[in-house]
C-alpha atoms as a PDB file:
ATOM      1  CA  MET A   1     188.568  77.550  48.686  1.00  0.00           C
ATOM      2  CA  ASP A   2     188.312  74.812  46.103  1.00  0.00           C
ATOM      3  CA  ILE A   3     185.267  75.341  43.879  1.00  0.00           C
ATOM      4  CA  ARG A   4     184.687  73.006  40.954  1.00  0.00           C
ATOM      5  CA  VAL A   5     182.393  74.215  38.176  1.00  0.00           C
ATOM      6  CA  PHE A   6     181.277  72.197  35.208  1.00  0.00           C
ATOM      7  CA  ASN A   7     178.293  73.017  33.041  1.00  0.00           C
ATOM      8  CA  ASP A   8     175.829  74.651  35.467  1.00  0.00           C
ATOM      9  CA  PHE A   9     176.865  72.602  38.507  1.00  0.00           C
ATOM     10  CA  LYS A  10     179.019  73.955  41.358  1.00  0.00           C
ATOM     11  CA  SER A  11     180.478  72.072  44.327  1.00  0.00           C
ATOM     12  CA  THR A  12     181.836  74.085  47.269  1.00  0.00           C
ATOM     13  CA  PRO A  13     183.549  72.583  50.354  1.00  0.00           C
ATOM     14  CA  ILE A  14     182.397  73.597  53.844  1.00  0.00           C
ATOM     15  CA  SER A  15     183.789  72.688  57.267  1.00  0.00           C
ATOM     16  CA  ARG A  16     182.002  69.334  57.516  1.00  0.00           C
ATOM     17  CA  GLY A  17     180.948  68.519  53.968  1.00  0.00           C
ATOM     18  CA  ARG A  18     180.058  70.174  50.663  1.00  0.00           C
ATOM     19  CA  VAL A  19     177.407  72.366  49.086  1.00  0.00           C
ATOM     20  CA  TYR A  20     176.160  71.252  45.680  1.00  0.00           C
ATOM     21  CA  GLU A  21     174.336  73.837  43.564  1.00  0.00           C
ATOM     22  CA  MET A  22     172.721  73.570  40.168  1.00  0.00           C
ATOM     23  CA  LYS A  23     171.051  76.355  38.221  1.00  0.00           C
ATOM     24  CA  LEU A  24     168.072  75.271  36.170  1.00  0.00           C
ATOM     25  CA  ASN A  25     165.994  76.981  33.524  1.00  0.00           C
ATOM     26  CA  ASP A  26     163.225  77.865  35.978  1.00  0.00           C
ATOM     27  CA  GLY A  27     165.162  78.044  39.254  1.00  0.00           C
ATOM     28  CA  PHE A  28     167.841  76.190  41.211  1.00  0.00           C
ATOM     29  CA  ALA A  29     168.546  73.103  43.263  1.00  0.00           C
ATOM     30  CA  LYS A  30     170.866  73.150  46.274  1.00  0.00           C
ATOM     31  CA  VAL A  31     171.968  70.253  48.465  1.00  0.00           C
ATOM     32  CA  THR A  32     174.137  70.835  51.533  1.00  0.00           C
ATOM     33  CA  ASN A  33     175.898  67.693  52.731  1.00  0.00           C
ATOM     34  CA  PHE A  34     176.909  67.424  56.412  1.00  0.00           C
ATOM     35  CA  ASN A  35     179.148  64.523  57.435  1.00  0.00           C
ATOM     36  CA  PHE A  36     178.874  63.297  61.034  1.00  0.00           C
ATOM     37  CA  GLU A  37     181.067  60.259  60.410  1.00  0.00           C
ATOM     38  CA  LYS A  38     182.116  60.003  64.073  1.00  0.00           C
ATOM     39  CA  HIS A  39     178.506  59.237  65.002  1.00  0.00           C
ATOM     40  CA  GLY A  40     177.735  57.148  61.926  1.00  0.00           C
ATOM     41  CA  PHE A  41     175.380  59.338  59.899  1.00  0.00           C
ATOM     42  CA  ILE A  42     175.214  61.945  57.146  1.00  0.00           C
ATOM     43  CA  ILE A  43     172.598  64.675  56.644  1.00  0.00           C
ATOM     44  CA  ASN A  44     171.598  66.156  53.298  1.00  0.00           C
ATOM     45  CA  TYR A  45     169.603  69.392  53.387  1.00  0.00           C
ATOM     46  CA  TYR A  46     167.617  69.925  50.181  1.00  0.00           C
ATOM     47  CA  ASP A  47     166.491  73.387  49.093  1.00  0.00           C
ATOM     48  CA  MET A  48     164.956  73.620  45.623  1.00  0.00           C
ATOM     49  CA  LYS A  49     163.106  76.360  43.775  1.00  0.00           C
ATOM     50  CA  THR A  50     162.151  74.769  40.498  1.00  0.00           C
ATOM     51  CA  SER A  51     159.505  72.556  38.895  1.00  0.00           C
ATOM     52  CA  PHE A  52     161.610  69.649  37.600  1.00  0.00           C
ATOM     53  CA  PHE A  53     164.856  68.068  38.683  1.00  0.00           C
ATOM     54  CA  THR A  54     166.756  64.815  38.115  1.00  0.00           C
ATOM     55  CA  ASN A  55     169.222  63.230  40.476  1.00  0.00           C
ATOM     56  CA  GLN A  56     171.046  60.069  41.428  1.00  0.00           C
ATOM     57  CA  ASP A  57     170.346  59.332  45.079  1.00  0.00           C
ATOM     58  CA  ARG A  58     173.777  58.374  46.349  1.00  0.00           C
ATOM     59  CA  VAL A  59     175.718  59.308  49.485  1.00  0.00           C
ATOM     60  CA  GLY A  60     178.869  57.243  49.112  1.00  0.00           C
ATOM     61  CA  GLU A  61     180.260  53.738  49.084  1.00  0.00           C
ATOM     62  CA  MET A  62     179.212  52.783  52.617  1.00  0.00           C
ATOM     63  CA  ASP A  63     176.196  50.670  53.567  1.00  0.00           C
ATOM     64  CA  TYR A  64     173.462  53.205  54.382  1.00  0.00           C
ATOM     65  CA  ALA A  65     169.792  53.309  55.276  1.00  0.00           C
ATOM     66  CA  MET A  66     168.299  56.655  54.214  1.00  0.00           C
ATOM     67  CA  VAL A  67     165.374  58.394  55.893  1.00  0.00           C
ATOM     68  CA  ASN A  68     164.183  61.159  53.534  1.00  0.00           C
ATOM     69  CA  THR A  69     161.737  63.678  55.024  1.00  0.00           C
ATOM     70  CA  THR A  70     159.767  66.600  53.592  1.00  0.00           C
ATOM     71  CA  LEU A  71     159.659  69.952  55.418  1.00  0.00           C
ATOM     72  CA  PHE A  72     158.153  72.199  52.741  1.00  0.00           C
ATOM     73  CA  GLY A  73     156.353  71.622  49.441  1.00  0.00           C
ATOM     74  CA  ARG A  74     155.471  68.430  47.654  1.00  0.00           C
ATOM     75  CA  PHE A  75     157.133  66.457  44.939  1.00  0.00           C
ATOM     76  CA  VAL A  76     156.520  63.372  42.837  1.00  0.00           C
ATOM     77  CA  SER A  77     159.594  61.241  42.198  1.00  0.00           C
ATOM     78  CA  ARG A  78     159.567  58.755  39.344  1.00  0.00           C
ATOM     79  CA  SER A  79     162.121  56.200  38.284  1.00  0.00           C
ATOM     80  CA  ASP A  80     161.895  53.299  35.856  1.00  0.00           C
ATOM     81  CA  GLU A  81     160.244  51.157  38.528  1.00  0.00           C
ATOM     82  CA  THR A  82     158.647  53.400  41.154  1.00  0.00           C
ATOM     83  CA  ALA A  83     156.631  56.564  41.712  1.00  0.00           C
ATOM     84  CA  VAL A  84     156.465  58.298  45.091  1.00  0.00           C
ATOM     85  CA  ALA A  85     154.412  61.329  46.137  1.00  0.00           C
ATOM     86  CA  MET A  86     155.917  63.143  49.113  1.00  0.00           C
ATOM     87  CA  LEU A  87     153.943  65.708  51.097  1.00  0.00           C
ATOM     88  CA  PRO A  88     155.055  67.980  53.949  1.00  0.00           C
ATOM     89  CA  GLY A  89     155.301  65.890  57.096  1.00  0.00           C
ATOM     90  CA  THR A  90     156.016  62.583  55.344  1.00  0.00           C
ATOM     91  CA  GLY A  91     159.089  60.392  55.124  1.00  0.00           C
ATOM     92  CA  ILE A  92     160.396  57.355  53.305  1.00  0.00           C
ATOM     93  CA  VAL A  93     163.055  54.765  54.193  1.00  0.00           C
ATOM     94  CA  HIS A  94     165.250  53.316  51.474  1.00  0.00           C
ATOM     95  CA  HIS A  95     168.791  52.439  50.467  1.00  0.00           C
ATOM     96  CA  PRO A  96     170.675  54.948  48.281  1.00  0.00           C
ATOM     97  CA  SER A  97     171.563  53.695  44.834  1.00  0.00           C
ATOM     98  CA  ASP A  98     172.786  54.846  41.439  1.00  0.00           C
ATOM     99  CA  ALA A  99     169.234  54.874  40.044  1.00  0.00           C
ATOM    100  CA  ARG A 100     168.256  58.159  38.446  1.00  0.00           C
ATOM    101  CA  ASN A 101     165.025  59.721  39.704  1.00  0.00           C
ATOM    102  CA  TYR A 102     162.909  62.343  37.969  1.00  0.00           C
ATOM    103  CA  MET A 103     161.402  64.734  40.490  1.00  0.00           C
ATOM    104  CA  TYR A 104     158.492  67.040  39.763  1.00  0.00           C
ATOM    105  CA  LEU A 105     157.830  69.875  42.206  1.00  0.00           C
ATOM    106  CA  PRO A 106     154.250  71.131  41.684  1.00  0.00           C
ATOM    107  CA  SER A 107     154.581  73.601  44.575  1.00  0.00           C
ATOM    108  CA  LYS A 108     157.639  75.081  42.774  1.00  0.00           C
ATOM    109  CA  GLY A 109     159.575  74.939  46.032  1.00  0.00           C
ATOM    110  CA  TYR A 110     160.829  72.115  48.217  1.00  0.00           C
ATOM    111  CA  MET A 111     162.848  71.702  51.408  1.00  0.00           C
ATOM    112  CA  GLY A 112     163.719  68.421  53.037  1.00  0.00           C
ATOM    113  CA  LEU A 113     166.232  66.546  55.172  1.00  0.00           C
ATOM    114  CA  GLY A 114     167.730  63.217  54.200  1.00  0.00           C
ATOM    115  CA  ILE A 115     169.502  61.394  57.034  1.00  0.00           C
ATOM    116  CA  ALA A 116     171.701  58.502  55.938  1.00  0.00           C
ATOM    117  CA  PHE A 117     172.597  56.024  58.699  1.00  0.00           C
ATOM    118  CA  ASP A 118     175.631  53.781  58.501  1.00  0.00           C
ATOM    119  CA  ARG A 119     173.933  50.399  58.965  1.00  0.00           C
ATOM    120  CA  LYS A 120     176.992  48.956  60.746  1.00  0.00           C
ATOM    121  CA  ASN A 121     178.403  51.914  62.657  1.00  0.00           C
ATOM    122  CA  PHE A 122     175.543  54.247  63.642  1.00  0.00           C
ATOM    123  CA  LYS A 123     176.018  55.238  67.289  1.00  0.00           C
ATOM    124  CA  PHE A 124     173.357  56.376  69.733  1.00  0.00           C
ATOM    125  CA  ILE A 125     174.285  59.023  72.275  1.00  0.00           C
ATOM    126  CA  ASP A 126     172.864  56.560  74.805  1.00  0.00           C
ATOM    127  CA  ALA A 127     175.559  53.864  74.815  1.00  0.00           C
ATOM    128  CA  ASP A 128     173.061  51.272  76.078  1.00  0.00           C
ATOM    129  CA  LEU A 129     171.239  51.259  72.728  1.00  0.00           C
ATOM    130  CA  ARG A 130     172.678  49.465  69.728  1.00  0.00           C
ATOM    131  CA  GLY A 131     172.333  51.659  66.648  1.00  0.00           C
ATOM    132  CA  PRO A 132     172.593  48.988  63.911  1.00  0.00           C
ATOM    133  CA  GLU A 133     169.879  46.845  65.510  1.00  0.00           C
ATOM    134  CA  ILE A 134     167.425  49.741  65.770  1.00  0.00           C
ATOM    135  CA  ILE A 135     168.171  50.904  62.216  1.00  0.00           C
ATOM    136  CA  ARG A 136     167.308  47.396  60.957  1.00  0.00           C
ATOM    137  CA  SER A 137     164.086  47.539  62.978  1.00  0.00           C
ATOM    138  CA  VAL A 138     163.178  50.920  61.448  1.00  0.00           C
ATOM    139  CA  GLU A 139     163.851  49.557  57.946  1.00  0.00           C
ATOM    140  CA  THR A 140     161.412  46.709  58.573  1.00  0.00           C
ATOM    141  CA  THR A 141     158.717  48.820  60.240  1.00  0.00           C
ATOM    142  CA  TYR A 142     158.701  51.523  57.580  1.00  0.00           C
ATOM    143  CA  LYS A 143     158.937  49.190  54.557  1.00  0.00           C
ATOM    144  CA  ALA A 144     162.344  50.160  53.241  1.00  0.00           C
ATOM    145  CA  ASP A 145     162.576  50.180  49.425  1.00  0.00           C
ATOM    146  CA  THR A 146     158.827  49.713  48.881  1.00  0.00           C
ATOM    147  CA  SER A 147     158.188  53.361  47.874  1.00  0.00           C
ATOM    148  CA  SER A 148     155.796  53.741  50.812  1.00  0.00           C
ATOM    149  CA  PRO A 149     155.843  57.281  52.275  1.00  0.00           C
ATOM    150  CA  PHE A 150     154.624  57.470  55.870  1.00  0.00           C
ATOM    151  CA  TYR A 151     153.373  60.321  58.035  1.00  0.00           C
ATOM    152  CA  LEU A 152     155.829  61.618  60.612  1.00  0.00           C
ATOM    153  CA  SER A 153     154.601  62.342  64.131  1.00  0.00           C
ATOM    154  CA  ASP A 154     154.443  65.913  65.429  1.00  0.00           C
ATOM    155  CA  ASP A 155     157.317  65.329  67.843  1.00  0.00           C
ATOM    156  CA  ILE A 156     159.574  64.102  65.037  1.00  0.00           C
ATOM    157  CA  MET A 157     158.615  67.090  62.879  1.00  0.00           C
ATOM    158  CA  MET A 158     159.585  69.448  65.721  1.00  0.00           C
ATOM    159  CA  GLU A 159     162.954  67.709  65.892  1.00  0.00           C
ATOM    160  CA  LEU A 160     163.422  68.020  62.131  1.00  0.00           C
ATOM    161  CA  TYR A 161     162.653  71.756  62.202  1.00  0.00           C
ATOM    162  CA  ALA A 162     165.103  72.125  65.086  1.00  0.00           C
ATOM    163  CA  LEU A 163     167.732  70.350  62.968  1.00  0.00           C
ATOM    164  CA  GLN A 164     166.939  72.665  60.060  1.00  0.00           C
ATOM    165  CA  THR A 165     167.603  75.656  62.318  1.00  0.00           C
ATOM    166  CA  ILE A 166     170.904  74.247  63.604  1.00  0.00           C
ATOM    167  CA  LEU A 167     172.140  73.359  60.117  1.00  0.00           C
ATOM    168  CA  GLY A 168     171.312  76.852  58.855  1.00  0.00           C
ATOM    169  CA  ASP A 169     174.722  78.053  60.040  1.00  0.00           C
ATOM    170  CA  PRO A 170     177.288  75.371  59.092  1.00  0.00           C
ATOM    171  CA  ASP A 171     180.115  77.162  60.940  1.00  0.00           C
ATOM    172  CA  THR A 172     178.502  76.961  64.398  1.00  0.00           C
ATOM    173  CA  ILE A 173     177.071  73.436  64.391  1.00  0.00           C
ATOM    174  CA  ASP A 174     177.393  71.530  67.656  1.00  0.00           C
ATOM    175  CA  ASP A 175     177.980  67.879  66.684  1.00  0.00           C
ATOM    176  CA  VAL A 176     176.780  66.550  70.035  1.00  0.00           C
ATOM    177  CA  GLN A 177     173.559  68.578  69.868  1.00  0.00           C
ATOM    178  CA  VAL A 178     172.832  67.287  66.356  1.00  0.00           C
ATOM    179  CA  SER A 179     173.611  63.712  67.396  1.00  0.00           C
ATOM    180  CA  ILE A 180     171.274  63.958  70.407  1.00  0.00           C
ATOM    181  CA  ILE A 181     168.396  65.080  68.180  1.00  0.00           C
ATOM    182  CA  VAL A 182     169.104  62.457  65.508  1.00  0.00           C
ATOM    183  CA  SER A 183     169.359  59.691  68.124  1.00  0.00           C
ATOM    184  CA  ASP A 184     166.083  60.773  69.715  1.00  0.00           C
ATOM    185  CA  MET A 185     164.366  60.957  66.317  1.00  0.00           C
ATOM    186  CA  VAL A 186     165.407  57.366  65.529  1.00  0.00           C
ATOM    187  CA  ARG A 187     164.217  56.270  68.959  1.00  0.00           C
ATOM    188  CA  ARG A 188     160.811  57.879  68.348  1.00  0.00           C
ATOM    189  CA  LEU A 189     160.578  56.213  64.938  1.00  0.00           C
ATOM    190  CA  ASN A 190     161.342  52.851  66.493  1.00  0.00           C
ATOM    191  CA  ASP A 191     158.935  53.322  69.412  1.00  0.00           C
ATOM    192  CA  ALA A 192     155.954  54.454  67.299  1.00  0.00           C
ATOM    193  CA  ASN A 193     152.776  52.603  68.239  1.00  0.00           C
ATOM    194  CA  GLU A 194     151.213  52.913  64.790  1.00  0.00           C
ATOM    195  CA  VAL A 195     152.622  53.780  61.379  1.00  0.00           C
ATOM    196  CA  ARG A 196     150.322  55.672  59.002  1.00  0.00           C
ATOM    197  CA  PHE A 197     151.293  55.332  55.377  1.00  0.00           C
ATOM    198  CA  SER A 198     150.402  58.028  52.876  1.00  0.00           C
ATOM    199  CA  ASP A 199     148.165  57.570  49.861  1.00  0.00           C
ATOM    200  CA  ALA A 200     148.941  61.007  48.394  1.00  0.00           C
ATOM    201  CA  PRO A 201     147.901  61.515  44.751  1.00  0.00           C
ATOM    202  CA  MET A 202     150.649  61.215  42.125  1.00  0.00           C
ATOM    203  CA  GLU A 203     149.765  64.317  40.097  1.00  0.00           C
ATOM    204  CA  THR A 204     152.802  66.179  38.773  1.00  0.00           C
ATOM    205  CA  ASP A 205     150.988  69.227  37.395  1.00  0.00           C
ATOM    206  CA  THR A 206     150.685  72.440  39.385  1.00  0.00           C
ATOM    207  CA  PHE A 207     147.151  73.084  40.602  1.00  0.00           C
ATOM    208  CA  PRO A 208     145.611  76.090  42.384  1.00  0.00           C
ATOM    209  CA  GLU A 209     146.018  74.345  45.744  1.00  0.00           C
ATOM    210  CA  ASP A 210     149.802  74.255  45.197  1.00  0.00           C
ATOM    211  CA  ILE A 211     149.826  78.012  44.594  1.00  0.00           C
ATOM    212  CA  VAL A 212     147.800  78.547  47.770  1.00  0.00           C
ATOM    213  CA  TYR A 213     150.192  76.278  49.690  1.00  0.00           C
ATOM    214  CA  ASN A 214     153.185  78.291  48.522  1.00  0.00           C
ATOM    215  CA  HIS A 215     151.560  81.572  49.581  1.00  0.00           C
ATOM    216  CA  ILE A 216     150.476  80.535  53.064  1.00  0.00           C
ATOM    217  CA  MET A 217     153.618  78.559  53.942  1.00  0.00           C
ATOM    218  CA  SER A 218     156.309  80.905  52.630  1.00  0.00           C
ATOM    219  CA  ASP A 219     155.844  83.298  55.568  1.00  0.00           C
ATOM    220  CA  LEU A 220     154.326  81.758  58.690  1.00  0.00           C
ATOM    221  CA  SER A 221     154.487  85.054  60.563  1.00  0.00           C
ATOM    222  CA  ALA A 222     152.029  86.676  58.128  1.00  0.00           C
ATOM    223  CA  ALA A 223     148.245  86.478  58.173  1.00  0.00           C
ATOM    224  CA  SER A 224     146.666  83.874  55.907  1.00  0.00           C
ATOM    225  CA  LYS A 225     146.353  84.994  52.292  1.00  0.00           C
ATOM    226  CA  VAL A 226     143.862  82.370  51.157  1.00  0.00           C
ATOM    227  CA  ASP A 227     141.100  84.875  50.322  1.00  0.00           C
ATOM    228  CA  GLU A 228     143.564  87.117  48.473  1.00  0.00           C
ATOM    229  CA  VAL A 229     145.022  84.245  46.438  1.00  0.00           C
ATOM    230  CA  CYS A 230     141.598  82.866  45.555  1.00  0.00           C
ATOM    231  CA  SER A 231     140.511  86.303  44.377  1.00  0.00           C
ATOM    232  CA  GLU A 232     143.613  86.636  42.185  1.00  0.00           C
ATOM    233  CA  LEU A 233     143.065  83.182  40.675  1.00  0.00           C
ATOM    234  CA  GLY A 234     139.327  83.705  40.251  1.00  0.00           C
ATOM    235  CA  ILE A 235     138.453  80.524  42.160  1.00  0.00           C
ATOM    236  CA  ASP A 236     136.004  79.771  44.940  1.00  0.00           C
ATOM    237  CA  LYS A 237     137.709  79.543  48.332  1.00  0.00           C
ATOM    238  CA  PHE A 238     135.424  76.711  49.463  1.00  0.00           C
ATOM    239  CA  ASP A 239     136.329  74.698  46.375  1.00  0.00           C
ATOM    240  CA  ILE A 240     140.041  75.347  46.866  1.00  0.00           C
ATOM    241  CA  SER A 241     139.754  74.342  50.521  1.00  0.00           C
ATOM    242  CA  ARG A 242     138.241  71.000  49.479  1.00  0.00           C
ATOM    243  CA  ARG A 243     140.922  70.421  46.834  1.00  0.00           C
ATOM    244  CA  PHE A 244     143.684  71.529  49.212  1.00  0.00           C
ATOM    245  CA  LYS A 245     142.558  69.013  51.828  1.00  0.00           C
ATOM    246  CA  ARG A 246     142.444  66.235  49.245  1.00  0.00           C
ATOM    247  CA  THR A 247     146.057  66.915  48.227  1.00  0.00           C
ATOM    248  CA  TYR A 248     147.696  68.073  51.478  1.00  0.00           C
ATOM    249  CA  GLY A 249     145.492  66.372  54.066  1.00  0.00           C
ATOM    250  CA  LYS A 250     144.351  69.562  55.824  1.00  0.00           C
ATOM    251  CA  THR A 251     142.481  72.739  54.960  1.00  0.00           C
ATOM    252  CA  PRO A 252     144.686  75.777  54.203  1.00  0.00           C
ATOM    253  CA  TYR A 253     143.875  77.381  57.568  1.00  0.00           C
ATOM    254  CA  SER A 254     144.514  74.235  59.630  1.00  0.00           C
ATOM    255  CA  MET A 255     147.727  73.531  57.690  1.00  0.00           C
ATOM    256  CA  GLN A 256     149.084  77.008  58.403  1.00  0.00           C
ATOM    257  CA  ARG A 257     148.117  76.862  62.099  1.00  0.00           C
ATOM    258  CA  HIS A 258     149.652  73.413  62.554  1.00  0.00           C
ATOM    259  CA  GLN A 259     152.896  74.335  60.828  1.00  0.00           C
ATOM    260  CA  ARG A 260     153.193  77.545  62.843  1.00  0.00           C
ATOM    261  CA  LEU A 261     152.903  75.620  66.088  1.00  0.00           C
ATOM    262  CA  LEU A 262     155.354  72.925  64.981  1.00  0.00           C
ATOM    263  CA  ARG A 263     157.897  75.674  64.298  1.00  0.00           C
ATOM    264  CA  ALA A 264     157.205  77.100  67.755  1.00  0.00           C
ATOM    265  CA  GLY A 265     157.848  73.668  69.253  1.00  0.00           C
ATOM    266  CA  SER A 266     161.221  73.488  67.505  1.00  0.00           C
ATOM    267  CA  MET A 267     162.166  76.855  69.018  1.00  0.00           C
ATOM    268  CA  LEU A 268     161.189  75.637  72.495  1.00  0.00           C
ATOM    269  CA  MET A 269     163.181  72.460  71.940  1.00  0.00           C
ATOM    270  CA  LEU A 270     166.293  74.533  71.237  1.00  0.00           C
ATOM    271  CA  GLY A 271     165.874  76.466  74.489  1.00  0.00           C
ATOM    272  CA  GLU A 272     163.913  79.609  73.551  1.00  0.00           C
ATOM    273  CA  ARG A 273     161.898  80.662  76.615  1.00  0.00           C
ATOM    274  CA  ASN A 274     160.756  84.150  75.640  1.00  0.00           C
ATOM    275  CA  MET A 275     157.159  83.166  74.900  1.00  0.00           C
ATOM    276  CA  GLU A 276     156.250  86.567  73.526  1.00  0.00           C
ATOM    277  CA  ALA A 277     159.071  86.353  70.983  1.00  0.00           C
ATOM    278  CA  VAL A 278     158.032  82.826  69.988  1.00  0.00           C
ATOM    279  CA  ALA A 279     154.395  83.906  69.617  1.00  0.00           C
ATOM    280  CA  ARG A 280     155.219  86.883  67.404  1.00  0.00           C
ATOM    281  CA  SER A 281     157.628  84.904  65.218  1.00  0.00           C
ATOM    282  CA  ILE A 282     154.771  82.618  64.145  1.00  0.00           C
ATOM    283  CA  GLY A 283     152.106  85.284  63.729  1.00  0.00           C
ATOM    284  CA  TYR A 284     150.331  85.370  67.111  1.00  0.00           C
ATOM    285  CA  ALA A 285     149.598  88.846  68.485  1.00  0.00           C
ATOM    286  CA  THR A 286     149.746  87.806  72.162  1.00  0.00           C
ATOM    287  CA  GLU A 287     151.449  85.188  74.265  1.00  0.00           C
ATOM    288  CA  ASN A 288     148.105  84.065  75.719  1.00  0.00           C
ATOM    289  CA  LYS A 289     146.609  83.340  72.286  1.00  0.00           C
ATOM    290  CA  PHE A 290     149.716  81.399  71.332  1.00  0.00           C
ATOM    291  CA  ALA A 291     149.684  79.365  74.569  1.00  0.00           C
ATOM    292  CA  ALA A 292     145.989  78.511  74.133  1.00  0.00           C
ATOM    293  CA  ALA A 293     146.501  77.439  70.510  1.00  0.00           C
ATOM    294  CA  PHE A 294     149.561  75.365  71.417  1.00  0.00           C
ATOM    295  CA  ARG A 295     147.705  73.577  74.198  1.00  0.00           C
ATOM    296  CA  LYS A 296     144.722  72.868  71.943  1.00  0.00           C
ATOM    297  CA  GLU A 297     146.990  71.451  69.212  1.00  0.00           C
ATOM    298  CA  PHE A 298     149.379  69.341  71.316  1.00  0.00           C
ATOM    299  CA  GLY A 299     147.639  68.842  74.662  1.00  0.00           C
ATOM    300  CA  PHE A 300     149.983  70.825  76.934  1.00  0.00           C
ATOM    301  CA  ARG A 301     151.082  74.406  77.481  1.00  0.00           C
ATOM    302  CA  PRO A 302     154.372  75.717  76.033  1.00  0.00           C
ATOM    303  CA  LYS A 303     155.844  76.321  79.502  1.00  0.00           C
ATOM    304  CA  HIS A 304     155.601  72.558  80.142  1.00  0.00           C
ATOM    305  CA  PHE A 305     157.335  71.705  76.875  1.00  0.00           C
ATOM    306  CA  ASP A 306     160.537  70.109  78.185  1.00  0.00           C
ATOM    307  CA  LYS A 307     158.715  67.700  80.494  1.00  0.00           C
ATOM    308  CA  GLU A 308     155.775  66.792  78.244  1.00  0.00           C
ATOM    309  CA  PHE A 309     157.831  66.535  75.041  1.00  0.00           C
ATOM    310  CA  ARG A 310     160.633  64.676  76.874  1.00  0.00           C
ATOM    311  CA  ASN A 311     163.068  67.129  75.319  1.00  0.00           C
ATOM    312  CA  PRO A 312     166.389  65.285  74.905  1.00  0.00           C
ATOM    313  CA  LEU A 313     168.344  68.554  74.792  1.00  0.00           C
ATOM    314  CA  ALA A 314     166.888  69.668  78.111  1.00  0.00           C
ATOM    315  CA  ARG A 315     167.721  66.304  79.670  1.00  0.00           C
ATOM    316  CA  ASP A 316     171.279  66.586  78.416  1.00  0.00           C
ATOM    317  CA  GLN A 317     171.663  70.058  79.906  1.00  0.00           C
ATOM    318  CA  ASN A 318     170.312  68.892  83.249  1.00  0.00           C
ATOM    319  CA  ALA A 319     172.495  65.793  83.422  1.00  0.00           C
END
């Protein structure tokens, strides 16, 4: 295996790309690059445990449109001309360049997926749809290169978490399965009735709400630790709830519940049908409580997921 090491940076080849790792004074940054050139896209999986990081956002010499999405944590990215605050559940569309960005991670941890689409050669699984035309439409709709993060819909977030699961084992990735999900995600972006853009604050310092976020989101199968964290920090839980909602858009309890159920949806999308196992994996004691919470959050019961969600993987299996 060819491993190149210079300074504190290591690049390791994998079956369909490379893993880039950098050790930092207060943690690490890791980017796993997956090349799906046959279908006209590349995926970067970001996993960082640090507070500050610099990078040059570049994926190669081809003509790409990048959709960067946030799965965990928040960061503020600053360059000479722009500043962008990214929260969990938001995305941004832009074109990769050689510009250096300075990224602050107040939550001390960050995970995200960046999907780079070849603007001339992206291919939908559905041959009737022209990839380049829809990518251009997405660029226009989501204000490419304007530093305007937008909120992703729940169905797209479920697809992103499903992708995260699939990419977790690079040696067993099914290219067709990944391409089906990516194609469906682009279709949902293009078909969105209304785009909500984020006005997240640009603070780069770590605040108590970031510490609370890290605690409640690091283990979704565990009971909420908001009271415990507030006690340790010596802060009022009602005050932290107000500040948390201002920064993250939800209260700590509603954020944890929503994220748990999104993760459950990603499991259902990938074919898990043991509802008791799904319920327990996201912290619900019984299947009935999980089913009731899922229906209240998304409007349908888990057992109806494939039909109501219009699961592209289920349709492919039934074809």
